[in-house]
Amino acid sequence: MVRGVRRVLEDIAKDPRLEATALQTVGSKGWNGLVIIRRVRQPG
């Protein structure tokens, strides 16, 4: 599962059309988090 999440985050980072931020949380259920992604307009 962790490898899959890392792969998705790497793919997002490589795509110049995307801006993203990851928010990591820790609670009683353990590690968790979410990613917010925004597609940006390309010049031209």
C-alpha atoms as a PDB file:
ATOM      1  CA  MET A   1       0.000   0.000   0.000  1.00  0.00           C
ATOM      2  CA  VAL A   2       2.765   2.429   0.892  1.00  0.00           C
ATOM      3  CA  ARG A   3       4.537   1.753  -2.413  1.00  0.00           C
ATOM      4  CA  GLY A   4       1.357   2.553  -4.292  1.00  0.00           C
ATOM      5  CA  VAL A   5       0.899   5.871  -2.506  1.00  0.00           C
ATOM      6  CA  ARG A   6       4.529   6.797  -3.117  1.00  0.00           C
ATOM      7  CA  ARG A   7       4.180   5.944  -6.806  1.00  0.00           C
ATOM      8  CA  VAL A   8       1.093   8.142  -7.165  1.00  0.00           C
ATOM      9  CA  LEU A   9       2.839  11.041  -5.430  1.00  0.00           C
ATOM     10  CA  GLU A  10       5.885  10.637  -7.694  1.00  0.00           C
ATOM     11  CA  ASP A  11       3.651  10.642 -10.786  1.00  0.00           C
ATOM     12  CA  ILE A  12       1.900  13.804  -9.584  1.00  0.00           C
ATOM     13  CA  ALA A  13       5.266  15.502  -8.963  1.00  0.00           C
ATOM     14  CA  LYS A  14       6.445  14.692 -12.499  1.00  0.00           C
ATOM     15  CA  ASP A  15       3.375  16.191 -14.185  1.00  0.00           C
ATOM     16  CA  PRO A  16       3.921  19.927 -14.864  1.00  0.00           C
ATOM     17  CA  ARG A  17       0.147  20.447 -15.183  1.00  0.00           C
ATOM     18  CA  LEU A  18      -0.377  19.623 -11.509  1.00  0.00           C
ATOM     19  CA  GLU A  19       0.261  21.371  -8.217  1.00  0.00           C
ATOM     20  CA  ALA A  20      -0.228  19.378  -5.053  1.00  0.00           C
ATOM     21  CA  THR A  21       0.241  19.332  -1.335  1.00  0.00           C
ATOM     22  CA  ALA A  22       0.121  16.349   1.003  1.00  0.00           C
ATOM     23  CA  LEU A  23      -1.224  16.617   4.527  1.00  0.00           C
ATOM     24  CA  GLN A  24      -0.149  13.899   6.898  1.00  0.00           C
ATOM     25  CA  THR A  25      -2.160  13.198  10.033  1.00  0.00           C
ATOM     26  CA  VAL A  26      -1.597  10.957  13.024  1.00  0.00           C
ATOM     27  CA  GLY A  27      -4.402   9.869  15.276  1.00  0.00           C
ATOM     28  CA  SER A  28      -5.765   6.965  17.255  1.00  0.00           C
ATOM     29  CA  LYS A  29      -6.063   4.916  14.043  1.00  0.00           C
ATOM     30  CA  GLY A  30      -2.408   5.487  13.141  1.00  0.00           C
ATOM     31  CA  TRP A  31      -0.911   7.328  10.176  1.00  0.00           C
ATOM     32  CA  ASN A  32      -3.262   8.818   7.626  1.00  0.00           C
ATOM     33  CA  GLY A  33      -3.477  11.830   5.357  1.00  0.00           C
ATOM     34  CA  LEU A  34      -4.729  13.314   2.136  1.00  0.00           C
ATOM     35  CA  VAL A  35      -3.421  14.923  -1.027  1.00  0.00           C
ATOM     36  CA  ILE A  36      -4.952  18.023  -2.587  1.00  0.00           C
ATOM     37  CA  ILE A  37      -4.217  18.343  -6.307  1.00  0.00           C
ATOM     38  CA  ARG A  38      -4.897  21.279  -8.608  1.00  0.00           C
ATOM     39  CA  ARG A  39      -4.535  21.253 -12.372  1.00  0.00           C
ATOM     40  CA  VAL A  40      -2.984  24.514 -13.524  1.00  0.00           C
ATOM     41  CA  ARG A  41      -3.464  26.216 -16.855  1.00  0.00           C
ATOM     42  CA  GLN A  42      -0.506  25.913 -19.208  1.00  0.00           C
ATOM     43  CA  PRO A  43       0.771  29.101 -20.868  1.00  0.00           C
ATOM     44  CA  GLY A  44      -0.041  29.541 -24.535  1.00  0.00           C
END
